[in-house]
Amino acid sequence: MRWFFFLLSLLFISLGTMLILYSKETRAYVRNWFYRYDVRLMSGVPFAIGVLLLIGAFQVREVFGLAIVLGLLAMAKGAYLAFGPRQQIRNLRDWWFEEAGDNVIRLSGLVTFLIGAAFLSWLV
């Protein structure tokens, strides 16, 4: 499971960097995914990642606390996207991709980068 955490940390670091440096371009790229596919179909991705984080938390003890918290949050996100009210999910998606300011996007990129750096620093 160490490979999963290494891969996840590199993914978080690269996504965070892209959100900080190229916020408009990254948001436009991700927007294409969320408007092209049904959110209910994509809800399995965060749920599966959450399950992997929970399983991996018990195998890689260095990242136990962060993996448990992120795993539960990812599973909750997947469940919300699968079973939540469609209009509320659309409103949230539209706000994130159309109305959220650059500071909000960059701050989320910074948080994403720091989570990836924390995973990587605990693994190395």
N, C-alpha and C. Protein backbone atom coordinates (compact mmCIF):
# COMPACT_ATOMS: atom_id res chain seq x y z
N MET A 1 0.81 -1.21 0.00
CA MET A 1 0.00 0.00 0.00
C MET A 1 0.85 1.27 0.00
N ARG A 2 2.15 1.12 0.28
CA ARG A 2 3.01 2.30 0.25
C ARG A 2 2.99 2.95 -1.13
N TRP A 3 2.97 2.13 -2.17
CA TRP A 3 2.94 2.67 -3.53
C TRP A 3 1.72 3.54 -3.74
N PHE A 4 0.58 3.15 -3.16
CA PHE A 4 -0.64 3.94 -3.31
C PHE A 4 -0.48 5.31 -2.67
N PHE A 5 0.13 5.35 -1.48
CA PHE A 5 0.32 6.63 -0.80
C PHE A 5 1.36 7.49 -1.51
N PHE A 6 2.40 6.87 -2.06
CA PHE A 6 3.36 7.63 -2.85
C PHE A 6 2.69 8.24 -4.08
N LEU A 7 1.91 7.43 -4.78
CA LEU A 7 1.20 7.91 -5.96
C LEU A 7 0.21 9.01 -5.61
N LEU A 8 -0.53 8.80 -4.52
CA LEU A 8 -1.50 9.80 -4.08
C LEU A 8 -0.82 11.10 -3.68
N SER A 9 0.30 11.00 -2.98
CA SER A 9 1.00 12.22 -2.57
C SER A 9 1.53 12.98 -3.78
N LEU A 10 2.07 12.28 -4.76
CA LEU A 10 2.55 12.96 -5.97
C LEU A 10 1.39 13.58 -6.76
N LEU A 11 0.26 12.89 -6.79
CA LEU A 11 -0.93 13.43 -7.45
C LEU A 11 -1.42 14.69 -6.74
N PHE A 12 -1.47 14.66 -5.41
CA PHE A 12 -1.90 15.84 -4.65
C PHE A 12 -0.93 17.00 -4.84
N ILE A 13 0.37 16.72 -4.82
CA ILE A 13 1.36 17.79 -5.00
C ILE A 13 1.24 18.40 -6.38
N SER A 14 1.10 17.58 -7.40
CA SER A 14 1.00 18.12 -8.76
C SER A 14 -0.31 18.86 -8.98
N LEU A 15 -1.42 18.33 -8.45
CA LEU A 15 -2.70 19.03 -8.59
C LEU A 15 -2.68 20.36 -7.84
N GLY A 16 -2.14 20.35 -6.63
CA GLY A 16 -2.04 21.59 -5.86
C GLY A 16 -1.19 22.63 -6.56
N THR A 17 -0.07 22.19 -7.13
CA THR A 17 0.80 23.11 -7.87
C THR A 17 0.08 23.69 -9.07
N MET A 18 -0.64 22.84 -9.79
CA MET A 18 -1.38 23.32 -10.97
C MET A 18 -2.47 24.30 -10.56
N LEU A 19 -3.16 24.04 -9.46
CA LEU A 19 -4.21 24.95 -9.02
C LEU A 19 -3.64 26.29 -8.57
N ILE A 20 -2.45 26.29 -8.00
CA ILE A 20 -1.83 27.54 -7.56
C ILE A 20 -1.30 28.33 -8.74
N LEU A 21 -0.55 27.68 -9.62
CA LEU A 21 0.12 28.40 -10.71
C LEU A 21 -0.78 28.66 -11.91
N TYR A 22 -1.58 27.70 -12.27
CA TYR A 22 -2.42 27.81 -13.47
C TYR A 22 -3.88 27.57 -13.09
N SER A 23 -4.43 28.42 -12.24
CA SER A 23 -5.75 28.16 -11.68
C SER A 23 -6.84 28.16 -12.74
N LYS A 24 -6.83 29.10 -13.66
CA LYS A 24 -7.89 29.16 -14.68
C LYS A 24 -7.82 27.97 -15.63
N GLU A 25 -6.62 27.63 -16.07
CA GLU A 25 -6.47 26.53 -17.02
C GLU A 25 -6.83 25.19 -16.37
N THR A 26 -6.40 25.00 -15.12
CA THR A 26 -6.70 23.75 -14.42
C THR A 26 -8.19 23.62 -14.16
N ARG A 27 -8.81 24.74 -13.76
CA ARG A 27 -10.24 24.71 -13.51
C ARG A 27 -11.00 24.41 -14.80
N ALA A 28 -10.56 24.97 -15.92
CA ALA A 28 -11.22 24.70 -17.20
C ALA A 28 -11.06 23.24 -17.60
N TYR A 29 -9.89 22.67 -17.36
CA TYR A 29 -9.67 21.26 -17.70
C TYR A 29 -10.55 20.35 -16.86
N VAL A 30 -10.60 20.59 -15.57
CA VAL A 30 -11.42 19.76 -14.68
C VAL A 30 -12.90 19.98 -14.95
N ARG A 31 -13.28 21.22 -15.31
CA ARG A 31 -14.67 21.53 -15.64
C ARG A 31 -15.16 20.64 -16.77
N ASN A 32 -14.33 20.39 -17.77
CA ASN A 32 -14.72 19.54 -18.89
C ASN A 32 -15.11 18.13 -18.41
N TRP A 33 -14.39 17.60 -17.43
CA TRP A 33 -14.73 16.29 -16.90
C TRP A 33 -16.07 16.31 -16.19
N PHE A 34 -16.30 17.32 -15.38
CA PHE A 34 -17.51 17.35 -14.56
C PHE A 34 -18.76 17.71 -15.37
N TYR A 35 -18.59 18.38 -16.48
CA TYR A 35 -19.76 18.68 -17.31
C TYR A 35 -19.98 17.62 -18.38
N ARG A 36 -18.97 16.84 -18.69
CA ARG A 36 -19.10 15.81 -19.71
C ARG A 36 -19.77 14.55 -19.17
N TYR A 37 -19.45 14.17 -17.94
CA TYR A 37 -19.96 12.93 -17.36
C TYR A 37 -20.94 13.23 -16.24
N ASP A 38 -21.81 12.27 -16.00
CA ASP A 38 -22.78 12.41 -14.92
C ASP A 38 -22.07 12.28 -13.58
N VAL A 39 -22.40 13.16 -12.67
CA VAL A 39 -21.75 13.17 -11.36
C VAL A 39 -22.05 11.88 -10.60
N ARG A 40 -23.21 11.32 -10.81
CA ARG A 40 -23.57 10.07 -10.12
C ARG A 40 -22.63 8.93 -10.54
N LEU A 41 -22.22 8.91 -11.80
CA LEU A 41 -21.28 7.89 -12.26
C LEU A 41 -19.89 8.12 -11.70
N MET A 42 -19.50 9.38 -11.58
CA MET A 42 -18.16 9.71 -11.08
C MET A 42 -18.06 9.61 -9.57
N SER A 43 -19.17 9.42 -8.88
CA SER A 43 -19.14 9.37 -7.42
C SER A 43 -18.40 8.14 -6.90
N GLY A 44 -18.25 7.13 -7.72
CA GLY A 44 -17.52 5.94 -7.30
C GLY A 44 -16.04 6.17 -7.11
N VAL A 45 -15.49 7.16 -7.81
CA VAL A 45 -14.06 7.43 -7.71
C VAL A 45 -13.67 7.90 -6.31
N PRO A 46 -14.30 8.98 -5.76
CA PRO A 46 -13.89 9.35 -4.40
C PRO A 46 -14.23 8.30 -3.35
N PHE A 47 -15.32 7.56 -3.57
CA PHE A 47 -15.66 6.51 -2.62
C PHE A 47 -14.60 5.41 -2.62
N ALA A 48 -14.15 5.00 -3.81
CA ALA A 48 -13.12 3.96 -3.91
C ALA A 48 -11.79 4.44 -3.33
N ILE A 49 -11.45 5.68 -3.58
CA ILE A 49 -10.22 6.23 -3.02
C ILE A 49 -10.32 6.27 -1.49
N GLY A 50 -11.49 6.62 -0.99
CA GLY A 50 -11.69 6.62 0.46
C GLY A 50 -11.53 5.24 1.07
N VAL A 51 -12.06 4.23 0.40
CA VAL A 51 -11.91 2.85 0.89
C VAL A 51 -10.43 2.46 0.88
N LEU A 52 -9.72 2.79 -0.21
CA LEU A 52 -8.29 2.48 -0.27
C LEU A 52 -7.51 3.22 0.81
N LEU A 53 -7.89 4.46 1.09
CA LEU A 53 -7.22 5.21 2.16
C LEU A 53 -7.45 4.55 3.51
N LEU A 54 -8.66 4.09 3.77
CA LEU A 54 -8.94 3.43 5.04
C LEU A 54 -8.20 2.11 5.17
N ILE A 55 -8.17 1.34 4.10
CA ILE A 55 -7.43 0.08 4.14
C ILE A 55 -5.94 0.34 4.31
N GLY A 56 -5.42 1.31 3.56
CA GLY A 56 -4.00 1.63 3.63
C GLY A 56 -3.59 2.23 4.96
N ALA A 57 -4.50 2.88 5.64
CA ALA A 57 -4.17 3.50 6.93
C ALA A 57 -3.74 2.45 7.95
N PHE A 58 -4.32 1.27 7.87
CA PHE A 58 -3.97 0.22 8.82
C PHE A 58 -2.73 -0.56 8.41
N GLN A 59 -2.29 -0.39 7.16
CA GLN A 59 -1.10 -1.09 6.71
C GLN A 59 0.14 -0.20 6.75
N VAL A 60 -0.03 1.09 6.57
CA VAL A 60 1.08 2.04 6.61
C VAL A 60 0.82 2.97 7.80
N ARG A 61 1.41 2.65 8.92
CA ARG A 61 1.08 3.33 10.17
C ARG A 61 1.57 4.78 10.22
N GLU A 62 2.54 5.15 9.41
CA GLU A 62 3.06 6.52 9.44
C GLU A 62 2.00 7.55 9.06
N VAL A 63 1.07 7.18 8.21
CA VAL A 63 0.07 8.12 7.71
C VAL A 63 -1.32 7.81 8.26
N PHE A 64 -1.38 7.10 9.37
CA PHE A 64 -2.64 6.59 9.88
C PHE A 64 -3.70 7.68 10.09
N GLY A 65 -3.36 8.71 10.84
CA GLY A 65 -4.34 9.74 11.18
C GLY A 65 -4.88 10.48 9.97
N LEU A 66 -3.97 10.95 9.13
CA LEU A 66 -4.38 11.70 7.95
C LEU A 66 -5.15 10.82 6.97
N ALA A 67 -4.71 9.58 6.83
CA ALA A 67 -5.39 8.67 5.90
C ALA A 67 -6.81 8.34 6.38
N ILE A 68 -6.99 8.18 7.68
CA ILE A 68 -8.33 7.90 8.21
C ILE A 68 -9.26 9.09 7.95
N VAL A 69 -8.80 10.29 8.27
CA VAL A 69 -9.63 11.48 8.08
C VAL A 69 -9.96 11.68 6.61
N LEU A 70 -8.95 11.62 5.74
CA LEU A 70 -9.20 11.81 4.31
C LEU A 70 -10.04 10.68 3.72
N GLY A 71 -9.86 9.47 4.22
CA GLY A 71 -10.65 8.34 3.73
C GLY A 71 -12.12 8.51 4.07
N LEU A 72 -12.41 8.91 5.30
CA LEU A 72 -13.81 9.13 5.69
C LEU A 72 -14.42 10.29 4.91
N LEU A 73 -13.64 11.36 4.72
CA LEU A 73 -14.16 12.50 3.94
C LEU A 73 -14.41 12.11 2.48
N ALA A 74 -13.52 11.32 1.90
CA ALA A 74 -13.70 10.90 0.52
C ALA A 74 -14.91 9.99 0.37
N MET A 75 -15.11 9.10 1.33
CA MET A 75 -16.29 8.23 1.26
C MET A 75 -17.58 9.03 1.44
N ALA A 76 -17.55 10.02 2.32
CA ALA A 76 -18.72 10.88 2.50
C ALA A 76 -19.00 11.69 1.23
N LYS A 77 -17.95 12.16 0.58
CA LYS A 77 -18.12 12.90 -0.67
C LYS A 77 -18.72 12.00 -1.75
N GLY A 78 -18.22 10.78 -1.86
CA GLY A 78 -18.76 9.85 -2.84
C GLY A 78 -20.21 9.52 -2.58
N ALA A 79 -20.57 9.33 -1.32
CA ALA A 79 -21.96 9.04 -0.97
C ALA A 79 -22.85 10.25 -1.25
N TYR A 80 -22.35 11.45 -0.95
CA TYR A 80 -23.14 12.66 -1.21
C TYR A 80 -23.35 12.85 -2.71
N LEU A 81 -22.31 12.63 -3.50
CA LEU A 81 -22.46 12.78 -4.96
C LEU A 81 -23.40 11.72 -5.54
N ALA A 82 -23.42 10.54 -4.93
CA ALA A 82 -24.27 9.47 -5.45
C ALA A 82 -25.73 9.63 -5.03
N PHE A 83 -25.96 10.09 -3.80
CA PHE A 83 -27.32 10.08 -3.27
C PHE A 83 -27.86 11.45 -2.90
N GLY A 84 -27.05 12.49 -3.03
CA GLY A 84 -27.48 13.84 -2.64
C GLY A 84 -28.47 14.43 -3.64
N PRO A 85 -29.11 15.54 -3.26
CA PRO A 85 -30.05 16.19 -4.17
C PRO A 85 -29.34 16.72 -5.41
N ARG A 86 -29.87 16.36 -6.57
CA ARG A 86 -29.22 16.72 -7.84
C ARG A 86 -29.06 18.23 -8.00
N GLN A 87 -30.07 18.98 -7.67
CA GLN A 87 -30.00 20.43 -7.87
C GLN A 87 -28.94 21.06 -6.97
N GLN A 88 -28.84 20.59 -5.75
CA GLN A 88 -27.83 21.12 -4.84
C GLN A 88 -26.41 20.78 -5.34
N ILE A 89 -26.24 19.59 -5.87
CA ILE A 89 -24.93 19.20 -6.42
C ILE A 89 -24.61 20.04 -7.65
N ARG A 90 -25.59 20.28 -8.51
CA ARG A 90 -25.37 21.15 -9.68
C ARG A 90 -25.01 22.56 -9.25
N ASN A 91 -25.72 23.09 -8.24
CA ASN A 91 -25.42 24.45 -7.77
C ASN A 91 -24.00 24.54 -7.22
N LEU A 92 -23.59 23.54 -6.47
CA LEU A 92 -22.25 23.52 -5.91
C LEU A 92 -21.21 23.41 -7.02
N ARG A 93 -21.45 22.55 -7.99
CA ARG A 93 -20.54 22.39 -9.13
C ARG A 93 -20.44 23.69 -9.92
N ASP A 94 -21.58 24.32 -10.19
CA ASP A 94 -21.57 25.57 -10.95
C ASP A 94 -20.85 26.67 -10.18
N TRP A 95 -21.05 26.74 -8.87
CA TRP A 95 -20.35 27.75 -8.08
C TRP A 95 -18.84 27.54 -8.16
N TRP A 96 -18.40 26.29 -7.99
CA TRP A 96 -16.97 26.01 -7.97
C TRP A 96 -16.31 26.35 -9.29
N PHE A 97 -16.95 26.01 -10.39
CA PHE A 97 -16.33 26.20 -11.69
C PHE A 97 -16.60 27.57 -12.31
N GLU A 98 -17.63 28.27 -11.90
CA GLU A 98 -17.98 29.53 -12.53
C GLU A 98 -17.80 30.74 -11.63
N GLU A 99 -18.12 30.62 -10.35
CA GLU A 99 -18.19 31.81 -9.51
C GLU A 99 -17.10 31.92 -8.45
N ALA A 100 -16.47 30.82 -8.08
CA ALA A 100 -15.44 30.88 -7.04
C ALA A 100 -14.26 31.73 -7.53
N GLY A 101 -13.79 32.59 -6.67
CA GLY A 101 -12.70 33.48 -7.04
C GLY A 101 -11.36 32.76 -7.12
N ASP A 102 -10.39 33.44 -7.71
CA ASP A 102 -9.06 32.86 -7.84
C ASP A 102 -8.42 32.60 -6.48
N ASN A 103 -8.70 33.43 -5.50
CA ASN A 103 -8.13 33.21 -4.17
C ASN A 103 -8.63 31.91 -3.55
N VAL A 104 -9.90 31.60 -3.77
CA VAL A 104 -10.46 30.35 -3.25
C VAL A 104 -9.80 29.16 -3.93
N ILE A 105 -9.63 29.23 -5.23
CA ILE A 105 -9.02 28.14 -5.99
C ILE A 105 -7.56 27.96 -5.57
N ARG A 106 -6.85 29.06 -5.44
CA ARG A 106 -5.44 28.97 -5.04
C ARG A 106 -5.29 28.47 -3.61
N LEU A 107 -6.18 28.87 -2.72
CA LEU A 107 -6.13 28.37 -1.35
C LEU A 107 -6.39 26.87 -1.30
N SER A 108 -7.35 26.40 -2.09
CA SER A 108 -7.59 24.96 -2.13
C SER A 108 -6.40 24.23 -2.75
N GLY A 109 -5.74 24.87 -3.70
CA GLY A 109 -4.51 24.29 -4.26
C GLY A 109 -3.41 24.21 -3.23
N LEU A 110 -3.29 25.22 -2.38
CA LEU A 110 -2.29 25.21 -1.32
C LEU A 110 -2.57 24.11 -0.31
N VAL A 111 -3.83 23.95 0.07
CA VAL A 111 -4.20 22.89 1.01
C VAL A 111 -3.92 21.51 0.38
N THR A 112 -4.25 21.35 -0.88
CA THR A 112 -4.00 20.09 -1.59
C THR A 112 -2.50 19.80 -1.65
N PHE A 113 -1.71 20.81 -1.97
CA PHE A 113 -0.27 20.65 -2.01
C PHE A 113 0.29 20.25 -0.64
N LEU A 114 -0.19 20.90 0.41
CA LEU A 114 0.30 20.60 1.76
C LEU A 114 -0.08 19.19 2.21
N ILE A 115 -1.26 18.73 1.84
CA ILE A 115 -1.66 17.35 2.17
C ILE A 115 -0.75 16.36 1.45
N GLY A 116 -0.48 16.61 0.19
CA GLY A 116 0.44 15.74 -0.56
C GLY A 116 1.84 15.76 0.02
N ALA A 117 2.31 16.95 0.41
CA ALA A 117 3.65 17.05 1.01
C ALA A 117 3.70 16.34 2.36
N ALA A 118 2.61 16.42 3.13
CA ALA A 118 2.58 15.72 4.42
C ALA A 118 2.64 14.21 4.21
N PHE A 119 1.86 13.69 3.28
CA PHE A 119 1.93 12.25 2.99
C PHE A 119 3.34 11.86 2.59
N LEU A 120 3.92 12.62 1.68
CA LEU A 120 5.25 12.28 1.17
C LEU A 120 6.31 12.36 2.26
N SER A 121 6.23 13.38 3.11
CA SER A 121 7.25 13.53 4.16
C SER A 121 7.14 12.42 5.20
N TRP A 122 5.94 11.94 5.49
CA TRP A 122 5.80 10.86 6.45
C TRP A 122 6.22 9.52 5.87
N LEU A 123 6.14 9.38 4.56
CA LEU A 123 6.52 8.12 3.94
C LEU A 123 8.02 7.99 3.72
N VAL A 124 8.69 9.10 3.57
CA VAL A 124 10.13 9.06 3.27
C VAL A 124 10.96 9.07 4.51
